C-alpha atoms as a PDB file:
ATOM      1  CA  MET A   1     130.364  94.214 127.307  1.00  0.00           C
ATOM      2  CA  ASP A   2     129.186  93.901 123.919  1.00  0.00           C
ATOM      3  CA  GLU A   3     127.241  90.947 124.808  1.00  0.00           C
ATOM      4  CA  ILE A   4     125.525  93.066 127.899  1.00  0.00           C
ATOM      5  CA  SER A   5     124.987  96.180 125.328  1.00  0.00           C
ATOM      6  CA  ARG A   6     123.222  93.319 122.947  1.00  0.00           C
ATOM      7  CA  PHE A   7     121.134  91.878 125.503  1.00  0.00           C
ATOM      8  CA  PHE A   8     119.345  95.366 126.623  1.00  0.00           C
ATOM      9  CA  ARG A   9     119.303  96.557 123.235  1.00  0.00           C
ATOM     10  CA  GLY A  10     117.525  93.275 122.398  1.00  0.00           C
ATOM     11  CA  LEU A  11     115.312  94.073 125.549  1.00  0.00           C
ATOM     12  CA  TYR A  12     114.685  97.622 124.322  1.00  0.00           C
ATOM     13  CA  ASP A  13     113.916  96.472 120.984  1.00  0.00           C
ATOM     14  CA  GLN A  14     112.068  93.172 120.935  1.00  0.00           C
ATOM     15  CA  PHE A  15     110.309  93.078 124.089  1.00  0.00           C
ATOM     16  CA  LEU A  16     109.657  96.814 125.142  1.00  0.00           C
ATOM     17  CA  LEU A  17     108.987  98.460 121.775  1.00  0.00           C
ATOM     18  CA  ARG A  18     107.852  95.354 119.555  1.00  0.00           C
ATOM     19  CA  ASP A  19     105.736  93.501 122.282  1.00  0.00           C
ATOM     20  CA  VAL A  20     104.456  96.163 124.798  1.00  0.00           C
ATOM     21  CA  VAL A  21     104.372  99.551 122.882  1.00  0.00           C
ATOM     22  CA  ALA A  22     103.783  98.057 119.522  1.00  0.00           C
ATOM     23  CA  LYS A  23     101.289  95.424 120.301  1.00  0.00           C
ATOM     24  CA  VAL A  24     100.114  95.112 124.100  1.00  0.00           C
ATOM     25  CA  ILE A  25      99.187  98.982 124.260  1.00  0.00           C
ATOM     26  CA  PRO A  26      97.190  99.133 121.172  1.00  0.00           C
ATOM     27  CA  GLY A  27      95.631  95.781 121.478  1.00  0.00           C
ATOM     28  CA  LEU A  28      94.149  97.163 125.146  1.00  0.00           C
ATOM     29  CA  LEU A  29      93.110 100.257 123.513  1.00  0.00           C
ATOM     30  CA  PRO A  30      89.977  99.093 121.903  1.00  0.00           C
ATOM     31  CA  LEU A  31      89.131  97.184 124.711  1.00  0.00           C
ATOM     32  CA  PHE A  32      88.982 100.027 126.889  1.00  0.00           C
ATOM     33  CA  ALA A  33      86.596 101.612 124.547  1.00  0.00           C
ATOM     34  CA  LEU A  34      84.446  98.645 124.541  1.00  0.00           C
ATOM     35  CA  SER A  35      84.585  98.609 128.276  1.00  0.00           C
ATOM     36  CA  LEU A  36      83.013 102.148 128.284  1.00  0.00           C
ATOM     37  CA  LEU A  37      80.314 100.833 126.051  1.00  0.00           C
ATOM     38  CA  PHE A  38      79.671  98.179 128.360  1.00  0.00           C
ATOM     39  CA  PRO A  39      80.468  99.253 132.059  1.00  0.00           C
ATOM     40  CA  VAL A  40      80.854  96.849 134.756  1.00  0.00           C
ATOM     41  CA  ARG A  41      79.078  97.920 138.042  1.00  0.00           C
ATOM     42  CA  ALA A  42      80.688  97.653 141.168  1.00  0.00           C
ATOM     43  CA  SER A  43      79.371  95.051 143.578  1.00  0.00           C
ATOM     44  CA  SER A  44      78.188  95.648 146.924  1.00  0.00           C
ATOM     45  CA  GLY A  45      81.003  93.373 148.737  1.00  0.00           C
ATOM     46  CA  SER A  46      83.927  94.857 146.666  1.00  0.00           C
ATOM     47  CA  SER A  47      85.650  98.095 146.006  1.00  0.00           C
ATOM     48  CA  SER A  48      85.976  97.461 142.343  1.00  0.00           C
ATOM     49  CA  GLY A  49      83.609  95.937 139.646  1.00  0.00           C
ATOM     50  CA  TYR A  50      86.388  93.647 138.076  1.00  0.00           C
ATOM     51  CA  PRO A  51      86.658  90.460 139.701  1.00  0.00           C
ATOM     52  CA  LEU A  52      90.489  90.425 138.409  1.00  0.00           C
ATOM     53  CA  ALA A  53      90.932  93.060 141.065  1.00  0.00           C
ATOM     54  CA  ILE A  54      91.037  90.611 143.815  1.00  0.00           C
ATOM     55  CA  GLY A  55      94.064  88.738 142.808  1.00  0.00           C
ATOM     56  CA  SER A  56      97.847  89.795 142.767  1.00  0.00           C
ATOM     57  CA  PRO A  57      98.987  92.949 140.996  1.00  0.00           C
ATOM     58  CA  LEU A  58     101.645  90.675 139.205  1.00  0.00           C
ATOM     59  CA  ILE A  59      98.678  88.380 138.185  1.00  0.00           C
ATOM     60  CA  ILE A  60      96.798  91.091 136.946  1.00  0.00           C
ATOM     61  CA  ALA A  61      99.868  92.407 135.024  1.00  0.00           C
ATOM     62  CA  ILE A  62     100.289  88.951 133.306  1.00  0.00           C
ATOM     63  CA  VAL A  63      96.678  88.783 132.547  1.00  0.00           C
ATOM     64  CA  LEU A  64      96.745  91.899 130.787  1.00  0.00           C
ATOM     65  CA  PHE A  65     100.012  91.704 128.922  1.00  0.00           C
ATOM     66  CA  GLY A  66      98.850  88.521 127.555  1.00  0.00           C
ATOM     67  CA  LEU A  67      95.448  89.995 126.554  1.00  0.00           C
ATOM     68  CA  GLY A  68      96.640  92.644 125.047  1.00  0.00           C
ATOM     69  CA  LEU A  69      99.591  90.970 123.170  1.00  0.00           C
ATOM     70  CA  MET A  70      97.099  88.914 121.660  1.00  0.00           C
ATOM     71  CA  LEU A  71      94.594  91.326 120.624  1.00  0.00           C
ATOM     72  CA  GLY A  72      97.373  93.299 119.279  1.00  0.00           C
ATOM     73  CA  MET A  73      98.171  90.374 116.850  1.00  0.00           C
ATOM     74  CA  LEU A  74      94.851  90.126 115.739  1.00  0.00           C
ATOM     75  CA  LEU A  75      94.599  94.047 115.059  1.00  0.00           C
ATOM     76  CA  GLN A  76      97.800  93.465 113.043  1.00  0.00           C
ATOM     77  CA  PHE A  77      96.386  90.484 111.164  1.00  0.00           C
ATOM     78  CA  ILE A  78      93.111  92.245 110.346  1.00  0.00           C
ATOM     79  CA  GLY A  79      94.686  95.323 109.392  1.00  0.00           C
ATOM     80  CA  ASN A  80      97.511  93.587 106.998  1.00  0.00           C
ATOM     81  CA  ARG A  81      94.678  91.677 104.844  1.00  0.00           C
ATOM     82  CA  THR A  82      93.346  92.948 101.489  1.00  0.00           C
ATOM     83  CA  TYR A  83      89.845  93.630 101.478  1.00  0.00           C
ATOM     84  CA  THR A  84      88.293  93.424  98.033  1.00  0.00           C
ATOM     85  CA  PHE A  85      85.112  95.438  97.808  1.00  0.00           C
ATOM     86  CA  GLY A  86      82.904  94.700  94.598  1.00  0.00           C
ATOM     87  CA  LYS A  87      80.960  97.079  92.268  1.00  0.00           C
ATOM     88  CA  ARG A  88      77.918  97.904  94.080  1.00  0.00           C
ATOM     89  CA  ASN A  89      74.714 100.022  93.203  1.00  0.00           C
ATOM     90  CA  VAL A  90      73.178 101.692  96.135  1.00  0.00           C
ATOM     91  CA  ASP A  91      69.491 102.633  96.186  1.00  0.00           C
ATOM     92  CA  TRP A  92      67.924 102.983  99.265  1.00  0.00           C
ATOM     93  CA  GLY A  93      65.219 105.227 100.872  1.00  0.00           C
ATOM     94  CA  PRO A  94      63.591 107.129 102.240  1.00  0.00           C
ATOM     95  CA  LYS A  95      63.034 105.530 105.546  1.00  0.00           C
ATOM     96  CA  THR A  96      61.533 106.625 108.736  1.00  0.00           C
ATOM     97  CA  PHE A  97      62.715 105.282 112.289  1.00  0.00           C
ATOM     98  CA  THR A  98      61.013 105.581 115.511  1.00  0.00           C
ATOM     99  CA  VAL A  99      62.867 105.561 118.717  1.00  0.00           C
ATOM    100  CA  ARG A 100      61.605 106.149 122.066  1.00  0.00           C
ATOM    101  CA  SER A 101      58.680 108.242 120.499  1.00  0.00           C
ATOM    102  CA  LYS A 102      61.049 110.556 118.093  1.00  0.00           C
ATOM    103  CA  SER A 103      60.840 109.944 114.801  1.00  0.00           C
ATOM    104  CA  PHE A 104      63.744 109.982 111.868  1.00  0.00           C
ATOM    105  CA  THR A 105      63.625 110.254 108.667  1.00  0.00           C
ATOM    106  CA  LEU A 106      66.356 109.162 106.087  1.00  0.00           C
ATOM    107  CA  PRO A 107      66.305 110.688 102.664  1.00  0.00           C
ATOM    108  CA  HIS A 108      66.545 108.959  99.490  1.00  0.00           C
ATOM    109  CA  ILE A 109      69.897 107.480  98.557  1.00  0.00           C
ATOM    110  CA  LYS A 110      71.350 106.681  95.476  1.00  0.00           C
ATOM    111  CA  PHE A 111      74.961 106.293  94.173  1.00  0.00           C
ATOM    112  CA  SER A 112      77.204 103.673  92.759  1.00  0.00           C
ATOM    113  CA  LEU A 113      80.621 102.391  94.109  1.00  0.00           C
ATOM    114  CA  PRO A 114      83.292 101.102  91.946  1.00  0.00           C
ATOM    115  CA  ALA A 115      85.435  98.048  92.830  1.00  0.00           C
ATOM    116  CA  VAL A 116      88.250  98.530  94.872  1.00  0.00           C
ATOM    117  CA  ASP A 117      91.008  96.573  96.947  1.00  0.00           C
ATOM    118  CA  TRP A 118      92.140  97.836 100.478  1.00  0.00           C
ATOM    119  CA  THR A 119      94.946  97.155 102.469  1.00  0.00           C
ATOM    120  CA  PRO A 120      94.562  99.268 105.970  1.00  0.00           C
ATOM    121  CA  ILE A 121      98.030  98.991 106.825  1.00  0.00           C
ATOM    122  CA  VAL A 122     101.510  97.109 105.363  1.00  0.00           C
ATOM    123  CA  ILE A 123     103.136  94.724 107.463  1.00  0.00           C
ATOM    124  CA  HIS A 124     104.764  92.531 104.459  1.00  0.00           C
ATOM    125  CA  VAL A 125     106.661  95.118 102.670  1.00  0.00           C
ATOM    126  CA  TRP A 126     107.604  92.918  99.247  1.00  0.00           C
ATOM    127  CA  GLY A 127     103.992  92.177  98.621  1.00  0.00           C
ATOM    128  CA  SER A 128     103.474  88.406  99.777  1.00  0.00           C
ATOM    129  CA  GLU A 129     104.655  86.921 102.910  1.00  0.00           C
ATOM    130  CA  GLU A 130     106.934  84.355 101.062  1.00  0.00           C
ATOM    131  CA  GLU A 131     108.480  87.082  99.094  1.00  0.00           C
ATOM    132  CA  SER A 132     109.057  89.166 102.209  1.00  0.00           C
ATOM    133  CA  ILE A 133     110.853  86.153 104.052  1.00  0.00           C
ATOM    134  CA  LYS A 134     112.838  85.613 101.129  1.00  0.00           C
ATOM    135  CA  LYS A 135     114.092  89.162 100.716  1.00  0.00           C
ATOM    136  CA  GLU A 136     114.777  89.422 104.704  1.00  0.00           C
ATOM    137  CA  LEU A 137     116.911  86.111 104.313  1.00  0.00           C
ATOM    138  CA  ASP A 138     118.863  87.847 101.544  1.00  0.00           C
ATOM    139  CA  PHE A 139     119.056  90.953 103.450  1.00  0.00           C
ATOM    140  CA  ARG A 140     120.632  89.331 106.613  1.00  0.00           C
ATOM    141  CA  HIS A 141     122.800  87.433 104.613  1.00  0.00           C
ATOM    142  CA  TYR A 142     124.622  90.504 102.692  1.00  0.00           C
ATOM    143  CA  ALA A 143     124.187  92.755 105.942  1.00  0.00           C
ATOM    144  CA  ASN A 144     126.408  90.418 108.015  1.00  0.00           C
ATOM    145  CA  LEU A 145     129.157  91.058 105.279  1.00  0.00           C
ATOM    146  CA  THR A 146     129.157  94.801 105.507  1.00  0.00           C
ATOM    147  CA  GLU A 147     131.524  96.597 107.789  1.00  0.00           C
ATOM    148  CA  ASN A 148     129.146  98.178 109.777  1.00  0.00           C
ATOM    149  CA  ARG A 149     127.072  95.088 110.514  1.00  0.00           C
ATOM    150  CA  ASP A 150     125.282  96.117 113.781  1.00  0.00           C
ATOM    151  CA  TYR A 151     124.152  99.822 112.302  1.00  0.00           C
ATOM    152  CA  VAL A 152     122.821  97.992 109.261  1.00  0.00           C
ATOM    153  CA  LEU A 153     120.788  95.289 111.376  1.00  0.00           C
ATOM    154  CA  ASN A 154     119.714  97.765 114.136  1.00  0.00           C
ATOM    155  CA  LYS A 155     118.643 100.440 111.562  1.00  0.00           C
ATOM    156  CA  ARG A 156     116.299  97.752 109.891  1.00  0.00           C
ATOM    157  CA  GLU A 157     114.885  96.393 113.089  1.00  0.00           C
ATOM    158  CA  ARG A 158     113.640  99.960 114.083  1.00  0.00           C
ATOM    159  CA  LEU A 159     112.196 100.540 111.104  1.00  0.00           C
ATOM    160  CA  VAL A 160     110.212  97.054 111.294  1.00  0.00           C
ATOM    161  CA  VAL A 161     109.334  97.966 114.877  1.00  0.00           C
ATOM    162  CA  PHE A 162     108.010 101.824 114.299  1.00  0.00           C
ATOM    163  CA  LYS A 163     106.133 100.272 110.997  1.00  0.00           C
ATOM    164  CA  GLU A 164     104.301  97.725 113.106  1.00  0.00           C
ATOM    165  CA  MET A 165     103.786 100.312 115.730  1.00  0.00           C
ATOM    166  CA  ALA A 166     101.931 102.971 113.348  1.00  0.00           C
ATOM    167  CA  GLY A 167     100.128 100.481 111.883  1.00  0.00           C
ATOM    168  CA  ASN A 168      98.777  98.739 115.032  1.00  0.00           C
ATOM    169  CA  TYR A 169      98.051 102.377 116.523  1.00  0.00           C
ATOM    170  CA  ALA A 170      96.249 102.921 113.119  1.00  0.00           C
ATOM    171  CA  VAL A 171      93.815  99.928 113.363  1.00  0.00           C
ATOM    172  CA  ALA A 172      93.281 100.462 117.226  1.00  0.00           C
ATOM    173  CA  PHE A 173      92.376 103.812 116.769  1.00  0.00           C
ATOM    174  CA  SER A 174      89.965 102.845 113.970  1.00  0.00           C
ATOM    175  CA  LEU A 175      88.088 100.506 116.119  1.00  0.00           C
ATOM    176  CA  ALA A 176      88.158 103.017 119.003  1.00  0.00           C
ATOM    177  CA  PHE A 177      86.310 105.339 116.681  1.00  0.00           C
ATOM    178  CA  VAL A 178      83.867 103.165 115.444  1.00  0.00           C
ATOM    179  CA  ILE A 179      83.146 101.915 119.410  1.00  0.00           C
ATOM    180  CA  SER A 180      83.181 105.402 120.670  1.00  0.00           C
ATOM    181  CA  LEU A 181      80.825 106.456 117.641  1.00  0.00           C
ATOM    182  CA  VAL A 182      78.452 103.769 118.600  1.00  0.00           C
ATOM    183  CA  ILE A 183      78.334 104.983 122.325  1.00  0.00           C
ATOM    184  CA  TRP A 184      77.714 108.449 121.322  1.00  0.00           C
ATOM    185  CA  ILE A 185      74.886 107.545 119.203  1.00  0.00           C
ATOM    186  CA  ILE A 186      73.400 105.535 122.035  1.00  0.00           C
ATOM    187  CA  ASN A 187      73.708 108.263 124.365  1.00  0.00           C
ATOM    188  CA  LEU A 188      72.263 110.673 121.670  1.00  0.00           C
ATOM    189  CA  PHE A 189      68.766 109.219 122.202  1.00  0.00           C
ATOM    190  CA  ASP A 190      68.836 110.046 126.072  1.00  0.00           C
ATOM    191  CA  ASP A 191      70.990 113.509 126.032  1.00  0.00           C
ATOM    192  CA  SER A 192      70.300 115.606 123.228  1.00  0.00           C
ATOM    193  CA  ASP A 193      73.416 117.755 124.884  1.00  0.00           C
ATOM    194  CA  LEU A 194      75.909 115.305 123.715  1.00  0.00           C
ATOM    195  CA  PHE A 195      75.374 116.921 120.174  1.00  0.00           C
ATOM    196  CA  ASN A 196      77.953 119.706 120.577  1.00  0.00           C
ATOM    197  CA  ILE A 197      81.283 121.060 119.044  1.00  0.00           C
ATOM    198  CA  GLN A 198      83.471 119.319 121.753  1.00  0.00           C
ATOM    199  CA  ILE A 199      82.140 115.775 120.904  1.00  0.00           C
ATOM    200  CA  ILE A 200      82.616 116.618 116.880  1.00  0.00           C
ATOM    201  CA  LEU A 201      86.125 118.053 117.714  1.00  0.00           C
ATOM    202  CA  PHE A 202      86.828 114.849 119.377  1.00  0.00           C
ATOM    203  CA  PHE A 203      85.601 112.574 116.426  1.00  0.00           C
ATOM    204  CA  VAL A 204      87.619 114.925 114.081  1.00  0.00           C
ATOM    205  CA  ILE A 205      90.704 114.588 116.244  1.00  0.00           C
ATOM    206  CA  LEU A 206      90.620 110.852 116.284  1.00  0.00           C
ATOM    207  CA  TRP A 207      89.989 110.596 112.684  1.00  0.00           C
ATOM    208  CA  VAL A 208      92.886 112.817 111.853  1.00  0.00           C
ATOM    209  CA  VAL A 209      95.354 110.831 114.523  1.00  0.00           C
ATOM    210  CA  LEU A 210      94.204 107.511 112.749  1.00  0.00           C
ATOM    211  CA  MET A 211      94.643 108.859 109.163  1.00  0.00           C
ATOM    212  CA  VAL A 212      98.544 110.309 110.208  1.00  0.00           C
ATOM    213  CA  LEU A 213      99.301 106.887 111.533  1.00  0.00           C
ATOM    214  CA  SER A 214      98.096 105.154 108.399  1.00  0.00           C
ATOM    215  CA  ARG A 215     100.145 106.936 106.126  1.00  0.00           C
ATOM    216  CA  GLN A 216     103.478 106.905 108.664  1.00  0.00           C
ATOM    217  CA  ASN A 217     102.941 103.219 108.841  1.00  0.00           C
ATOM    218  CA  LYS A 218     103.161 103.061 104.625  1.00  0.00           C
ATOM    219  CA  ALA A 219     106.053 105.475 104.450  1.00  0.00           C
ATOM    220  CA  LEU A 220     108.006 103.454 107.170  1.00  0.00           C
ATOM    221  CA  ALA A 221     107.237 100.270 104.968  1.00  0.00           C
ATOM    222  CA  GLU A 222     108.514 101.847 101.857  1.00  0.00           C
ATOM    223  CA  GLN A 223     111.744 103.078 103.763  1.00  0.00           C
ATOM    224  CA  GLN A 224     112.159  99.650 105.265  1.00  0.00           C
ATOM    225  CA  ARG A 225     111.810  98.274 101.579  1.00  0.00           C
ATOM    226  CA  LEU A 226     114.370 100.846  99.971  1.00  0.00           C
ATOM    227  CA  TRP A 227     116.723  99.919 103.170  1.00  0.00           C
ATOM    228  CA  GLU A 228     116.677  96.232 102.434  1.00  0.00           C
ATOM    229  CA  LYS A 229     116.953  96.539  98.672  1.00  0.00           C
ATOM    230  CA  ALA A 230     120.092  98.743  99.083  1.00  0.00           C
ATOM    231  CA  ILE A 231     121.782  96.060 100.911  1.00  0.00           C
ATOM    232  CA  ILE A 232     120.741  93.313  98.515  1.00  0.00           C
ATOM    233  CA  ASP A 233     121.574  95.458  95.276  1.00  0.00           C
ATOM    234  CA  VAL A 234     125.289  95.984  96.630  1.00  0.00           C
ATOM    235  CA  LYS A 235     125.677  92.686  97.718  1.00  0.00           C
ATOM    236  CA  GLY A 236     126.932  93.399 101.108  1.00  0.00           C
ATOM    237  CA  LYS A 237     129.637  95.769  99.917  1.00  0.00           C
ATOM    238  CA  PRO A 238     130.410  98.850 102.008  1.00  0.00           C
ATOM    239  CA  SER A 239     128.722 101.746 100.144  1.00  0.00           C
ATOM    240  CA  VAL A 240     131.606 103.821 100.778  1.00  0.00           C
ATOM    241  CA  ALA A 241     134.942 102.430  98.842  1.00  0.00           C
ATOM    242  CA  LYS A 242     138.239 102.901 100.501  1.00  0.00           C
ATOM    243  CA  ALA A 243     140.375 104.913  98.480  1.00  0.00           C
ATOM    244  CA  ALA A 244     143.122 103.497  96.778  1.00  0.00           C
ATOM    245  CA  PRO A 245     146.470 104.109  97.221  1.00  0.00           C
ATOM    246  CA  ALA A 246     148.130 106.630  95.224  1.00  0.00           C
ATOM    247  CA  SER A 247     150.714 105.397  92.839  1.00  0.00           C
ATOM    248  CA  ARG A 248     154.063 106.188  93.147  1.00  0.00           C
ATOM    249  CA  PRO A 249     155.643 108.106  90.257  1.00  0.00           C
ATOM    250  CA  ALA A 250     157.892 106.090  88.124  1.00  0.00           C
ATOM    251  CA  ALA A 251     162.003 106.281  89.336  1.00  0.00           C
ATOM    252  CA  ARG A 252     163.762 108.037  86.954  1.00  0.00           C
ATOM    253  CA  LYS A 253     166.569 106.356  85.254  1.00  0.00           C
ATOM    254  CA  PRO A 254     169.849 107.849  86.185  1.00  0.00           C
ATOM    255  CA  LYS A 255     171.743 109.646  82.994  1.00  0.00           C
ATOM    256  CA  SER A 256     174.815 107.628  82.026  1.00  0.00           C
END
């Protein structure tokens, strides 16, 4: 019974959460936004413009799963890198652009940017990948010594899954935000009515969502680090010690 329970728990945590929800879906989100930028027209001899639609639904599901998983891992790789921006002095403009008989003049822009290191999301909670692997091995070693081993390991696993999920969705929504912004700017030249409160509200909400997900990723990463540190520091001992048996009072000597 325990083996069946562990199988379904692993199926839920490792496949449904870690692979499908945390990688495949966020990997397909920018692809969906990109399809809006370059729509595929339906051909005259087919009801759908996507050639893949003529295949089996199972084949389509497998291809989409593999594509989403690959793109999700790519998003995680991009988001977990540290980008170093050196000091920059910007002195640009004024410039005038003419697009489709419409002229746009940008004002003179001058400012300075300080040097900064930026990591969009956190995957390795102990800094480097090498140090994170060492800490994970130490954690699993001492976690196996605890009385509530399954709870300790499952708690850490869920923190890892939700941390990666929040980070990958943050990167996915960031790319979707950029792609949607490009689509809006392109269509703005054809239809000036697109500059309305609904579109602005959409971008504001999308920006708030990706910022919240980014902060949630960092908060979950800190929780994971503290959870691993707590188990490693106590060397696998249970956090609540068993109460020592009460000592019996010394027997009185009989009076002579």
